[in-house]
C-alpha atoms as a PDB file:
ATOM      1  CA  MET A   1       0.000   0.000   0.000  1.00  0.00           C
ATOM      2  CA  SER A   2       1.186   3.515  -0.796  1.00  0.00           C
ATOM      3  CA  ALA A   3       1.570   6.299   1.741  1.00  0.00           C
ATOM      4  CA  GLY A   4      -1.425   8.320   2.830  1.00  0.00           C
ATOM      5  CA  VAL A   5      -2.740  11.183   0.674  1.00  0.00           C
ATOM      6  CA  GLU A   6      -3.637  14.538   2.200  1.00  0.00           C
ATOM      7  CA  ILE A   7      -6.982  16.018   1.138  1.00  0.00           C
ATOM      8  CA  GLU A   8      -8.170  19.563   1.847  1.00  0.00           C
ATOM      9  CA  ALA A   9     -11.859  19.897   2.643  1.00  0.00           C
ATOM     10  CA  ASP A  10     -13.753  22.665   4.426  1.00  0.00           C
ATOM     11  CA  GLY A  11     -10.603  24.163   5.899  1.00  0.00           C
ATOM     12  CA  ARG A  12      -9.355  20.857   7.247  1.00  0.00           C
ATOM     13  CA  THR A  13      -6.615  18.511   6.130  1.00  0.00           C
ATOM     14  CA  LEU A  14      -7.562  14.838   6.117  1.00  0.00           C
ATOM     15  CA  THR A  15      -5.092  12.034   5.529  1.00  0.00           C
ATOM     16  CA  ILE A  16      -6.598   9.259   3.413  1.00  0.00           C
ATOM     17  CA  SER A  17      -4.850   6.071   4.475  1.00  0.00           C
ATOM     18  CA  HIS A  18      -4.219   3.228   1.995  1.00  0.00           C
ATOM     19  CA  PRO A  19      -5.538   5.333  -0.907  1.00  0.00           C
ATOM     20  CA  ASP A  20      -4.821   2.635  -3.492  1.00  0.00           C
ATOM     21  CA  LYS A  21      -6.787  -0.084  -1.716  1.00  0.00           C
ATOM     22  CA  VAL A  22      -9.265  -1.478  -4.247  1.00  0.00           C
ATOM     23  CA  TYR A  23     -12.826  -0.932  -3.066  1.00  0.00           C
ATOM     24  CA  PHE A  24     -14.743  -1.873  -6.230  1.00  0.00           C
ATOM     25  CA  SER A  25     -13.338  -4.893  -8.004  1.00  0.00           C
ATOM     26  CA  LYS A  26     -15.336  -4.744 -11.246  1.00  0.00           C
ATOM     27  CA  ARG A  27     -13.260  -1.856 -12.621  1.00  0.00           C
ATOM     28  CA  GLY A  28     -10.669  -1.548  -9.863  1.00  0.00           C
ATOM     29  CA  GLU A  29     -11.673   1.764  -8.291  1.00  0.00           C
ATOM     30  CA  THR A  30      -9.832   2.531  -5.070  1.00  0.00           C
ATOM     31  CA  LYS A  31     -10.505   4.308  -1.817  1.00  0.00           C
ATOM     32  CA  LEU A  32      -9.011   7.466  -3.336  1.00  0.00           C
ATOM     33  CA  ASP A  33     -11.326   7.131  -6.342  1.00  0.00           C
ATOM     34  CA  LEU A  34     -14.241   7.094  -3.921  1.00  0.00           C
ATOM     35  CA  VAL A  35     -12.906  10.234  -2.248  1.00  0.00           C
ATOM     36  CA  ARG A  36     -12.634  11.934  -5.648  1.00  0.00           C
ATOM     37  CA  TYR A  37     -16.184  10.883  -6.454  1.00  0.00           C
ATOM     38  CA  TYR A  38     -17.600  12.534  -3.330  1.00  0.00           C
ATOM     39  CA  GLN A  39     -15.558  15.663  -4.026  1.00  0.00           C
ATOM     40  CA  ALA A  40     -17.145  15.782  -7.487  1.00  0.00           C
ATOM     41  CA  VAL A  41     -20.737  15.479  -6.220  1.00  0.00           C
ATOM     42  CA  ALA A  42     -20.297  17.378  -2.951  1.00  0.00           C
ATOM     43  CA  GLU A  43     -22.773  20.178  -3.707  1.00  0.00           C
ATOM     44  CA  PRO A  44     -25.842  18.079  -4.558  1.00  0.00           C
ATOM     45  CA  LEU A  45     -24.884  15.441  -1.992  1.00  0.00           C
ATOM     46  CA  LEU A  46     -24.826  17.933   0.877  1.00  0.00           C
ATOM     47  CA  GLY A  47     -27.950  19.579  -0.473  1.00  0.00           C
ATOM     48  CA  VAL A  48     -29.778  16.337   0.324  1.00  0.00           C
ATOM     49  CA  ILE A  49     -27.951  14.798   3.298  1.00  0.00           C
ATOM     50  CA  GLY A  50     -26.367  17.901   4.824  1.00  0.00           C
ATOM     51  CA  ASP A  51     -26.863  18.279   8.597  1.00  0.00           C
ATOM     52  CA  ARG A  52     -28.653  14.938   8.852  1.00  0.00           C
ATOM     53  CA  PRO A  53     -27.533  12.041  11.088  1.00  0.00           C
ATOM     54  CA  LEU A  54     -25.955   9.101   9.275  1.00  0.00           C
ATOM     55  CA  LEU A  55     -25.838   5.374   9.844  1.00  0.00           C
ATOM     56  CA  LEU A  56     -22.545   4.135   8.396  1.00  0.00           C
ATOM     57  CA  GLU A  57     -22.136   0.881   6.476  1.00  0.00           C
ATOM     58  CA  ARG A  58     -18.465  -0.009   6.754  1.00  0.00           C
ATOM     59  CA  TYR A  59     -16.483  -2.224   4.377  1.00  0.00           C
ATOM     60  CA  PRO A  60     -12.837  -1.648   5.336  1.00  0.00           C
ATOM     61  CA  ASP A  61     -11.649  -4.196   2.756  1.00  0.00           C
ATOM     62  CA  GLY A  62     -13.880  -2.976  -0.051  1.00  0.00           C
ATOM     63  CA  ALA A  63     -17.258  -4.008  -1.417  1.00  0.00           C
ATOM     64  CA  SER A  64     -16.296  -7.695  -1.548  1.00  0.00           C
ATOM     65  CA  GLY A  65     -15.164  -7.830   2.083  1.00  0.00           C
ATOM     66  CA  LYS A  66     -16.723  -8.159   5.492  1.00  0.00           C
ATOM     67  CA  SER A  67     -19.008  -5.381   6.692  1.00  0.00           C
ATOM     68  CA  TRP A  68     -21.016  -4.034   9.583  1.00  0.00           C
ATOM     69  CA  PHE A  69     -23.330  -1.150  10.392  1.00  0.00           C
ATOM     70  CA  GLN A  70     -21.919   1.477  12.712  1.00  0.00           C
ATOM     71  CA  LYS A  71     -24.355   3.623  14.651  1.00  0.00           C
ATOM     72  CA  ARG A  72     -21.819   5.246  16.954  1.00  0.00           C
ATOM     73  CA  VAL A  73     -18.878   7.457  16.143  1.00  0.00           C
ATOM     74  CA  PRO A  74     -15.835   5.847  17.832  1.00  0.00           C
ATOM     75  CA  LYS A  75     -14.258   7.566  20.796  1.00  0.00           C
ATOM     76  CA  THR A  76     -11.011   7.856  18.829  1.00  0.00           C
ATOM     77  CA  ALA A  77     -12.649  10.142  16.258  1.00  0.00           C
ATOM     78  CA  PRO A  78     -11.292  13.710  15.916  1.00  0.00           C
ATOM     79  CA  ASP A  79     -12.881  16.256  18.229  1.00  0.00           C
ATOM     80  CA  TRP A  80     -14.061  18.437  15.338  1.00  0.00           C
ATOM     81  CA  LEU A  81     -16.569  15.840  14.145  1.00  0.00           C
ATOM     82  CA  GLN A  82     -20.163  16.862  14.763  1.00  0.00           C
ATOM     83  CA  THR A  83     -22.406  14.185  16.227  1.00  0.00           C
ATOM     84  CA  VAL A  84     -25.933  14.029  17.585  1.00  0.00           C
ATOM     85  CA  GLU A  85     -27.668  11.618  19.936  1.00  0.00           C
ATOM     86  CA  VAL A  86     -30.189   9.466  18.086  1.00  0.00           C
ATOM     87  CA  THR A  87     -32.571   6.802  19.371  1.00  0.00           C
ATOM     88  CA  THR A  88     -33.277   3.397  17.865  1.00  0.00           C
ATOM     89  CA  PRO A  89     -36.798   1.866  17.896  1.00  0.00           C
ATOM     90  CA  ASN A  90     -36.014  -0.082  21.082  1.00  0.00           C
ATOM     91  CA  GLY A  91     -34.900   3.082  22.882  1.00  0.00           C
ATOM     92  CA  THR A  92     -31.121   2.619  22.645  1.00  0.00           C
ATOM     93  CA  THR A  93     -29.251   5.870  22.134  1.00  0.00           C
ATOM     94  CA  SER A  94     -26.035   6.493  20.232  1.00  0.00           C
ATOM     95  CA  ASP A  95     -23.905   9.376  18.985  1.00  0.00           C
ATOM     96  CA  ALA A  96     -24.354   9.407  15.207  1.00  0.00           C
ATOM     97  CA  LEU A  97     -22.181  11.225  12.713  1.00  0.00           C
ATOM     98  CA  VAL A  98     -23.792  14.352  11.264  1.00  0.00           C
ATOM     99  CA  ALA A  99     -23.226  15.125   7.582  1.00  0.00           C
ATOM    100  CA  HIS A 100     -22.145  18.656   8.456  1.00  0.00           C
ATOM    101  CA  ASP A 101     -19.847  19.176   5.475  1.00  0.00           C
ATOM    102  CA  LEU A 102     -17.683  17.305   2.976  1.00  0.00           C
ATOM    103  CA  ALA A 103     -14.910  16.830   5.537  1.00  0.00           C
ATOM    104  CA  HIS A 104     -17.302  14.722   7.640  1.00  0.00           C
ATOM    105  CA  VAL A 105     -18.218  12.600   4.592  1.00  0.00           C
ATOM    106  CA  LEU A 106     -14.573  12.045   3.663  1.00  0.00           C
ATOM    107  CA  TRP A 107     -13.666  11.160   7.240  1.00  0.00           C
ATOM    108  CA  ALA A 108     -16.281   8.379   7.034  1.00  0.00           C
ATOM    109  CA  VAL A 109     -14.968   7.224   3.647  1.00  0.00           C
ATOM    110  CA  ASN A 110     -11.501   6.933   5.169  1.00  0.00           C
ATOM    111  CA  GLN A 111     -13.017   4.636   7.803  1.00  0.00           C
ATOM    112  CA  GLY A 112     -14.165   2.325   5.006  1.00  0.00           C
ATOM    113  CA  CYS A 113     -17.741   3.595   4.780  1.00  0.00           C
ATOM    114  CA  LEU A 114     -19.307   2.422   1.511  1.00  0.00           C
ATOM    115  CA  GLY A 115     -22.871   3.309   2.332  1.00  0.00           C
ATOM    116  CA  PHE A 116     -24.547   6.329   3.911  1.00  0.00           C
ATOM    117  CA  HIS A 117     -27.964   5.554   5.394  1.00  0.00           C
ATOM    118  CA  VAL A 118     -29.617   8.876   6.098  1.00  0.00           C
ATOM    119  CA  TRP A 119     -32.116   9.960   8.730  1.00  0.00           C
ATOM    120  CA  PRO A 120     -35.171  11.967   7.570  1.00  0.00           C
ATOM    121  CA  ASN A 121     -34.385  14.647  10.156  1.00  0.00           C
ATOM    122  CA  HIS A 122     -32.143  17.692  10.403  1.00  0.00           C
ATOM    123  CA  VAL A 123     -30.199  18.672  13.479  1.00  0.00           C
ATOM    124  CA  PRO A 124     -30.925  20.080  15.943  1.00  0.00           C
ATOM    125  CA  ASP A 125     -34.644  19.130  15.984  1.00  0.00           C
ATOM    126  CA  LEU A 126     -34.841  15.386  15.358  1.00  0.00           C
ATOM    127  CA  ARG A 127     -38.535  15.324  16.220  1.00  0.00           C
ATOM    128  CA  ILE A 128     -39.372  16.723  12.791  1.00  0.00           C
ATOM    129  CA  ALA A 129     -39.268  14.432   9.736  1.00  0.00           C
ATOM    130  CA  ASP A 130     -38.890  16.614   6.657  1.00  0.00           C
ATOM    131  CA  GLU A 131     -38.842  14.039   3.860  1.00  0.00           C
ATOM    132  CA  LEU A 132     -41.477  11.631   2.573  1.00  0.00           C
ATOM    133  CA  ARG A 133     -39.610   8.601   1.209  1.00  0.00           C
ATOM    134  CA  ILE A 134     -41.467   6.082  -0.925  1.00  0.00           C
ATOM    135  CA  ASP A 135     -39.530   2.887  -1.590  1.00  0.00           C
ATOM    136  CA  LEU A 136     -40.868   0.934  -4.562  1.00  0.00           C
ATOM    137  CA  ASP A 137     -39.718  -2.579  -3.782  1.00  0.00           C
ATOM    138  CA  PRO A 138     -39.647  -5.250  -6.500  1.00  0.00           C
ATOM    139  CA  SER A 139     -41.359  -8.458  -5.439  1.00  0.00           C
ATOM    140  CA  PRO A 140     -40.264 -11.700  -7.128  1.00  0.00           C
ATOM    141  CA  GLY A 141     -41.183 -11.591 -10.797  1.00  0.00           C
ATOM    142  CA  ILE A 142     -41.236  -7.787 -10.937  1.00  0.00           C
ATOM    143  CA  THR A 143     -39.140  -6.161 -13.653  1.00  0.00           C
ATOM    144  CA  PHE A 144     -37.640  -2.694 -13.744  1.00  0.00           C
ATOM    145  CA  ASP A 145     -40.311  -1.776 -16.300  1.00  0.00           C
ATOM    146  CA  ASP A 146     -42.911  -2.667 -13.662  1.00  0.00           C
ATOM    147  CA  LEU A 147     -41.155  -0.354 -11.223  1.00  0.00           C
ATOM    148  CA  ARG A 148     -41.159   2.421 -13.807  1.00  0.00           C
ATOM    149  CA  GLY A 149     -44.907   2.061 -14.202  1.00  0.00           C
ATOM    150  CA  ALA A 150     -45.480   2.138 -10.448  1.00  0.00           C
ATOM    151  CA  ALA A 151     -43.258   5.200 -10.124  1.00  0.00           C
ATOM    152  CA  VAL A 152     -45.330   7.061 -12.712  1.00  0.00           C
ATOM    153  CA  ARG A 153     -48.557   6.030 -10.955  1.00  0.00           C
ATOM    154  CA  THR A 154     -47.151   7.297  -7.659  1.00  0.00           C
ATOM    155  CA  ARG A 155     -46.055  10.590  -9.146  1.00  0.00           C
ATOM    156  CA  GLU A 156     -49.456  11.131 -10.762  1.00  0.00           C
ATOM    157  CA  LEU A 157     -51.322  10.478  -7.513  1.00  0.00           C
ATOM    158  CA  LEU A 158     -49.032  12.790  -5.557  1.00  0.00           C
ATOM    159  CA  ALA A 159     -49.446  15.492  -8.225  1.00  0.00           C
ATOM    160  CA  GLU A 160     -53.218  15.084  -7.965  1.00  0.00           C
ATOM    161  CA  LEU A 161     -52.823  15.849  -4.252  1.00  0.00           C
ATOM    162  CA  GLY A 162     -50.626  18.864  -4.946  1.00  0.00           C
ATOM    163  CA  ILE A 163     -47.385  17.179  -3.853  1.00  0.00           C
ATOM    164  CA  ASP A 164     -44.316  17.546  -6.064  1.00  0.00           C
ATOM    165  CA  ALA A 165     -42.254  14.346  -6.032  1.00  0.00           C
ATOM    166  CA  LEU A 166     -38.776  13.481  -7.263  1.00  0.00           C
ATOM    167  CA  VAL A 167     -37.244  10.124  -8.174  1.00  0.00           C
ATOM    168  CA  LYS A 168     -33.898   8.400  -7.743  1.00  0.00           C
ATOM    169  CA  THR A 169     -32.500   4.969  -8.341  1.00  0.00           C
ATOM    170  CA  SER A 170     -31.823   3.005  -5.173  1.00  0.00           C
ATOM    171  CA  GLY A 171     -28.389   1.889  -6.348  1.00  0.00           C
ATOM    172  CA  SER A 172     -29.773  -1.625  -6.262  1.00  0.00           C
ATOM    173  CA  ARG A 173     -33.003  -3.012  -7.777  1.00  0.00           C
ATOM    174  CA  GLY A 174     -35.557  -0.458  -6.634  1.00  0.00           C
ATOM    175  CA  LEU A 175     -36.686   3.127  -7.114  1.00  0.00           C
ATOM    176  CA  HIS A 176     -37.133   5.766  -4.429  1.00  0.00           C
ATOM    177  CA  ILE A 177     -39.618   8.629  -4.686  1.00  0.00           C
ATOM    178  CA  TYR A 178     -39.003  11.596  -2.402  1.00  0.00           C
ATOM    179  CA  ALA A 179     -40.868  14.732  -1.430  1.00  0.00           C
ATOM    180  CA  MET A 180     -39.194  17.437   0.624  1.00  0.00           C
ATOM    181  CA  LEU A 181     -41.615  18.441   3.393  1.00  0.00           C
ATOM    182  CA  GLU A 182     -42.484  21.533   5.324  1.00  0.00           C
ATOM    183  CA  PRO A 183     -41.010  21.135   8.841  1.00  0.00           C
ATOM    184  CA  ARG A 184     -44.359  20.468  10.519  1.00  0.00           C
ATOM    185  CA  TRP A 185     -44.744  16.738  11.113  1.00  0.00           C
ATOM    186  CA  ASP A 186     -43.070  13.997  13.107  1.00  0.00           C
ATOM    187  CA  GLY A 187     -42.154  10.534  11.860  1.00  0.00           C
ATOM    188  CA  TYR A 188     -45.433   8.974  12.995  1.00  0.00           C
ATOM    189  CA  GLN A 189     -47.426  11.454  10.910  1.00  0.00           C
ATOM    190  CA  VAL A 190     -45.172  11.067   7.869  1.00  0.00           C
ATOM    191  CA  ARG A 191     -45.499   7.281   8.105  1.00  0.00           C
ATOM    192  CA  ALA A 192     -49.300   7.627   8.332  1.00  0.00           C
ATOM    193  CA  ALA A 193     -49.174   9.694   5.147  1.00  0.00           C
ATOM    194  CA  ALA A 194     -47.075   7.010   3.446  1.00  0.00           C
ATOM    195  CA  VAL A 195     -49.523   4.277   4.528  1.00  0.00           C
ATOM    196  CA  ALA A 196     -52.432   6.284   3.088  1.00  0.00           C
ATOM    197  CA  LEU A 197     -50.548   6.749  -0.182  1.00  0.00           C
ATOM    198  CA  ALA A 198     -49.708   3.042  -0.448  1.00  0.00           C
ATOM    199  CA  ARG A 199     -53.297   1.994   0.251  1.00  0.00           C
ATOM    200  CA  GLU A 200     -54.743   4.417  -2.299  1.00  0.00           C
ATOM    201  CA  LEU A 201     -52.308   3.212  -4.940  1.00  0.00           C
ATOM    202  CA  GLU A 202     -53.364  -0.373  -4.235  1.00  0.00           C
ATOM    203  CA  ARG A 203     -57.045   0.564  -4.469  1.00  0.00           C
ATOM    204  CA  ARG A 204     -56.521   2.228  -7.838  1.00  0.00           C
ATOM    205  CA  PHE A 205     -54.104  -0.307  -9.327  1.00  0.00           C
ATOM    206  CA  PRO A 206     -54.700  -3.604  -7.496  1.00  0.00           C
ATOM    207  CA  GLU A 207     -53.103  -5.724 -10.229  1.00  0.00           C
ATOM    208  CA  GLU A 208     -49.893  -3.679 -10.289  1.00  0.00           C
ATOM    209  CA  ILE A 209     -49.257  -2.258  -6.822  1.00  0.00           C
ATOM    210  CA  THR A 210     -49.621  -3.559  -3.275  1.00  0.00           C
ATOM    211  CA  ALA A 211     -49.493  -2.106   0.210  1.00  0.00           C
ATOM    212  CA  GLN A 212     -49.399  -5.543   1.846  1.00  0.00           C
ATOM    213  CA  TRP A 213     -46.617  -5.852   4.420  1.00  0.00           C
ATOM    214  CA  TRP A 214     -46.539  -9.653   4.488  1.00  0.00           C
ATOM    215  CA  LYS A 215     -44.668 -11.072   1.497  1.00  0.00           C
ATOM    216  CA  GLU A 216     -47.092 -13.968   1.112  1.00  0.00           C
ATOM    217  CA  GLU A 217     -49.842 -11.450   0.276  1.00  0.00           C
ATOM    218  CA  ARG A 218     -47.962  -9.361  -2.287  1.00  0.00           C
ATOM    219  CA  GLY A 219     -47.910 -11.638  -5.297  1.00  0.00           C
ATOM    220  CA  SER A 220     -46.138 -10.291  -8.392  1.00  0.00           C
ATOM    221  CA  ARG A 221     -46.856  -6.666  -7.622  1.00  0.00           C
ATOM    222  CA  VAL A 222     -44.719  -3.666  -6.749  1.00  0.00           C
ATOM    223  CA  PHE A 223     -44.678  -3.192  -2.981  1.00  0.00           C
ATOM    224  CA  VAL A 224     -44.916   0.386  -1.689  1.00  0.00           C
ATOM    225  CA  ASP A 225     -42.785   0.154   1.452  1.00  0.00           C
ATOM    226  CA  TYR A 226     -44.429   2.720   3.710  1.00  0.00           C
ATOM    227  CA  ASN A 227     -42.354   1.571   6.694  1.00  0.00           C
ATOM    228  CA  GLN A 228     -39.290   3.303   5.270  1.00  0.00           C
ATOM    229  CA  ASN A 229     -40.946   6.339   6.879  1.00  0.00           C
ATOM    230  CA  ALA A 230     -41.188   4.822  10.355  1.00  0.00           C
ATOM    231  CA  PRO A 231     -39.562   6.992  13.049  1.00  0.00           C
ATOM    232  CA  HIS A 232     -35.829   6.299  13.490  1.00  0.00           C
ATOM    233  CA  LYS A 233     -35.701   4.626  10.031  1.00  0.00           C
ATOM    234  CA  THR A 234     -32.839   5.413   7.690  1.00  0.00           C
ATOM    235  CA  VAL A 235     -32.808   5.116   3.890  1.00  0.00           C
ATOM    236  CA  PHE A 236     -29.812   4.777   1.588  1.00  0.00           C
ATOM    237  CA  GLY A 237     -28.831   8.302   0.668  1.00  0.00           C
ATOM    238  CA  ALA A 238     -29.023  10.098  -2.662  1.00  0.00           C
ATOM    239  CA  TRP A 239     -25.657  10.367  -4.469  1.00  0.00           C
ATOM    240  CA  SER A 240     -24.242   7.654  -2.175  1.00  0.00           C
ATOM    241  CA  VAL A 241     -22.208   4.785  -3.627  1.00  0.00           C
ATOM    242  CA  ARG A 242     -23.519   1.306  -2.869  1.00  0.00           C
ATOM    243  CA  PRO A 243     -21.187  -1.372  -1.488  1.00  0.00           C
ATOM    244  CA  LYS A 244     -21.358  -3.324  -4.754  1.00  0.00           C
ATOM    245  CA  VAL A 245     -18.389  -4.396  -6.863  1.00  0.00           C
ATOM    246  CA  GLY A 246     -19.636  -2.166  -9.682  1.00  0.00           C
ATOM    247  CA  GLY A 247     -19.862   0.912  -7.446  1.00  0.00           C
ATOM    248  CA  GLN A 248     -23.482   1.702  -8.344  1.00  0.00           C
ATOM    249  CA  VAL A 249     -24.791   5.051  -7.117  1.00  0.00           C
ATOM    250  CA  SER A 250     -28.230   5.876  -5.744  1.00  0.00           C
ATOM    251  CA  THR A 251     -28.752   8.568  -8.361  1.00  0.00           C
ATOM    252  CA  PRO A 252     -31.350  11.341  -8.574  1.00  0.00           C
ATOM    253  CA  ILE A 253     -32.795  11.412 -12.086  1.00  0.00           C
ATOM    254  CA  ALA A 254     -35.259  13.555 -13.994  1.00  0.00           C
ATOM    255  CA  TRP A 255     -38.716  12.117 -14.602  1.00  0.00           C
ATOM    256  CA  ASP A 256     -38.255  12.299 -18.367  1.00  0.00           C
ATOM    257  CA  GLU A 257     -35.245   9.962 -18.038  1.00  0.00           C
ATOM    258  CA  LEU A 258     -37.175   7.213 -16.307  1.00  0.00           C
ATOM    259  CA  ASP A 259     -38.007   5.294 -19.486  1.00  0.00           C
ATOM    260  CA  THR A 260     -34.402   5.055 -20.655  1.00  0.00           C
ATOM    261  CA  ILE A 261     -32.274   4.957 -17.520  1.00  0.00           C
ATOM    262  CA  VAL A 262     -30.219   1.807 -16.832  1.00  0.00           C
ATOM    263  CA  PRO A 263     -29.501   1.814 -13.074  1.00  0.00           C
ATOM    264  CA  ASP A 264     -26.431  -0.437 -13.251  1.00  0.00           C
ATOM    265  CA  GLU A 265     -24.742   2.099 -15.522  1.00  0.00           C
ATOM    266  CA  LEU A 266     -24.979   4.830 -12.868  1.00  0.00           C
ATOM    267  CA  THR A 267     -21.697   4.346 -11.017  1.00  0.00           C
ATOM    268  CA  LEU A 268     -18.977   6.374  -9.341  1.00  0.00           C
ATOM    269  CA  ALA A 269     -17.221   6.249 -12.729  1.00  0.00           C
ATOM    270  CA  THR A 270     -20.130   7.769 -14.700  1.00  0.00           C
ATOM    271  CA  VAL A 271     -22.199   9.922 -12.345  1.00  0.00           C
ATOM    272  CA  PRO A 272     -19.757  12.879 -12.002  1.00  0.00           C
ATOM    273  CA  THR A 273     -19.712  13.379 -15.792  1.00  0.00           C
ATOM    274  CA  ARG A 274     -23.467  13.022 -15.884  1.00  0.00           C
ATOM    275  CA  LEU A 275     -23.785  15.685 -13.182  1.00  0.00           C
ATOM    276  CA  THR A 276     -21.536  18.058 -15.127  1.00  0.00           C
ATOM    277  CA  GLU A 277     -23.516  17.557 -18.333  1.00  0.00           C
ATOM    278  CA  ARG A 278     -27.053  17.469 -16.969  1.00  0.00           C
ATOM    279  CA  GLY A 279     -26.889  19.274 -13.642  1.00  0.00           C
ATOM    280  CA  ASP A 280     -28.698  18.255 -10.471  1.00  0.00           C
ATOM    281  CA  PRO A 281     -32.273  17.101 -11.218  1.00  0.00           C
ATOM    282  CA  TRP A 282     -33.193  17.733  -7.573  1.00  0.00           C
ATOM    283  CA  ALA A 283     -31.781  21.255  -7.439  1.00  0.00           C
ATOM    284  CA  ASP A 284     -35.185  22.965  -7.256  1.00  0.00           C
ATOM    285  CA  ARG A 285     -36.704  20.963  -4.407  1.00  0.00           C
ATOM    286  CA  THR A 286     -39.317  22.938  -2.494  1.00  0.00           C
ATOM    287  CA  PRO A 287     -41.081  21.993   0.771  1.00  0.00           C
ATOM    288  CA  GLN A 288     -44.398  20.194   0.307  1.00  0.00           C
ATOM    289  CA  SER A 289     -47.462  19.594   2.483  1.00  0.00           C
ATOM    290  CA  ILE A 290     -48.720  16.111   3.365  1.00  0.00           C
ATOM    291  CA  GLU A 291     -52.070  17.401   4.649  1.00  0.00           C
ATOM    292  CA  PRO A 292     -53.956  15.762   1.734  1.00  0.00           C
ATOM    293  CA  LEU A 293     -52.413  12.393   2.609  1.00  0.00           C
ATOM    294  CA  LEU A 294     -53.180  12.839   6.300  1.00  0.00           C
ATOM    295  CA  THR A 295     -56.804  13.595   5.385  1.00  0.00           C
ATOM    296  CA  MET A 296     -56.863  10.326   3.421  1.00  0.00           C
ATOM    297  CA  SER A 297     -55.393   8.551   6.451  1.00  0.00           C
ATOM    298  CA  ASP A 298     -58.123   9.964   8.716  1.00  0.00           C
ATOM    299  CA  LYS A 299     -60.793   8.753   6.259  1.00  0.00           C
ATOM    300  CA  ASP A 300     -59.288   5.271   6.228  1.00  0.00           C
ATOM    301  CA  MET A 301     -59.316   5.137  10.027  1.00  0.00           C
ATOM    302  CA  ALA A 302     -62.897   6.451  10.163  1.00  0.00           C
ATOM    303  CA  ALA A 303     -63.910   3.711   7.713  1.00  0.00           C
ATOM    304  CA  GLY A 304     -62.623   1.084  10.156  1.00  0.00           C
ATOM    305  CA  LEU A 305     -59.182   0.326   8.788  1.00  0.00           C
ATOM    306  CA  MET A 306     -56.487  -0.462  11.323  1.00  0.00           C
ATOM    307  CA  ASP A 307     -52.960   0.839  11.179  1.00  0.00           C
ATOM    308  CA  ALA A 308     -50.663  -1.037   8.800  1.00  0.00           C
ATOM    309  CA  PRO A 309     -48.168  -3.498  10.331  1.00  0.00           C
ATOM    310  CA  TRP A 310     -44.914  -2.139  11.719  1.00  0.00           C
ATOM    311  CA  PRO A 311     -41.459  -3.737  11.366  1.00  0.00           C
ATOM    312  CA  PRO A 312     -40.640  -6.367  14.002  1.00  0.00           C
ATOM    313  CA  GLN A 313     -38.025  -4.267  15.822  1.00  0.00           C
ATOM    314  CA  TYR A 314     -40.644  -1.661  16.778  1.00  0.00           C
ATOM    315  CA  PRO A 315     -42.803  -1.948  19.899  1.00  0.00           C
ATOM    316  CA  LYS A 316     -46.444  -2.842  19.421  1.00  0.00           C
ATOM    317  CA  MET A 317     -48.313   0.245  18.254  1.00  0.00           C
ATOM    318  CA  PRO A 318     -51.868   1.434  19.021  1.00  0.00           C
ATOM    319  CA  ASN A 319     -54.461   0.244  16.484  1.00  0.00           C
ATOM    320  CA  GLU A 320     -51.923  -2.101  14.877  1.00  0.00           C
ATOM    321  CA  PRO A 321     -53.268  -5.469  13.648  1.00  0.00           C
ATOM    322  CA  PRO A 322     -51.841  -8.692  15.124  1.00  0.00           C
ATOM    323  CA  ARG A 323     -48.187  -8.967  14.206  1.00  0.00           C
ATOM    324  CA  VAL A 324     -48.363 -12.447  12.734  1.00  0.00           C
ATOM    325  CA  GLN A 325     -48.290 -13.799   9.191  1.00  0.00           C
ATOM    326  CA  PRO A 326     -51.858 -14.202   7.860  1.00  0.00           C
ATOM    327  CA  SER A 327     -51.279 -17.870   6.973  1.00  0.00           C
ATOM    328  CA  ARG A 328     -50.054 -18.618  10.484  1.00  0.00           C
ATOM    329  CA  ALA A 329     -52.954 -16.722  12.024  1.00  0.00           C
ATOM    330  CA  LYS A 330     -55.405 -18.854  10.069  1.00  0.00           C
ATOM    331  CA  LYS A 331     -53.761 -22.057  11.310  1.00  0.00           C
ATOM    332  CA  ASP A 332     -53.860 -20.812  14.900  1.00  0.00           C
END
C-alpha cells in the first residue's frame, strides 16, 4: 500500500490512508477514487444529506469484504466531528455522525464507509421528519419496467394531491420517490401519510401495486414500502455509492429519463460526468405539504381500517393489527 494522501476539505486537512486499496473490483476503483467521487458530487450530496444524522455501512476491505453497520462514532474520532444523539426503535441511544460538510463525509470514507444511510431529520430538531420517502420494492417476478410504471402512478397520484415528487434509483433493484416536506410533522405522521398513499395506490391499481406488508400477500406486484418512513428509520442516501463491486450510485434522475435509464450504468465512474452535463435534477426541491395524505389517512381510520403493520423491531403500536403472518394466524 502507498503512503497516505492529504486532502483539503472545508478548511481541514484529512489524511486518506491506503488510498490505493481497491474498493470496487469490477473496474478496480480505489478508496481514493471514492474520495474523488464525493468531491465531485459534494454540492448536490450535501444539499440532500447535509446536517442529517448518518448510519454508516463499513467495508474496510472494499465491497467484496466483510461489513457491519456502525451507529456510533468511535471515541477515537477527531474532536471536530459533529455528532448528535439518536434513538433506535427499542430506545437505545447512540452518537451518530452528522453530515455537516464534505470533511465529515470524507472522514467516514476513510473509515471504510461504503454506504450512507440517512435519517429523515435535520439537526438540531430530530422530532421533525422533513422528507417523505417512498420505496418501490420489486417483489419476485417484478421487472424494472414494472417499477417504472409504479413510479409514474405514484407521481401522478401525488401530483393530484398537490405534492411535487422526485425520483432516484436506489443503487440496487428499486426506485425511491421523495418529497421534501415543510417542517411540521413527526415521523409517525409522515409514516401515516405514506400508509395512506400506499393503500390508495393499491385501491386504484390492485393488479400492479400492493401495500401488503406480508410477502405472502404481495404476489407479483410492486410493494410500496411505507415503513421506510417509520420513526428512526434510515434510507440509503441520494448520491451515495452502494457497497457493490460495480460501485453503483443511488442517483437522482429527472422524470423524463425514467423510461431510458439503466440503473447499473450509474456508477462512481459515470455519475460525475453526468452531473456536469445534466446538472442536479433535484436542485429545485421545495417543501411540500402532506395534509392531503393525512386527510386520506383519517378517512381510512374512520372507515374502520387499522394501522398497517410495523417492522418487528418496533414496539407494538396502538391500532396495529396482530403482528403475525396471515397464513399462520389462520392455522392458529
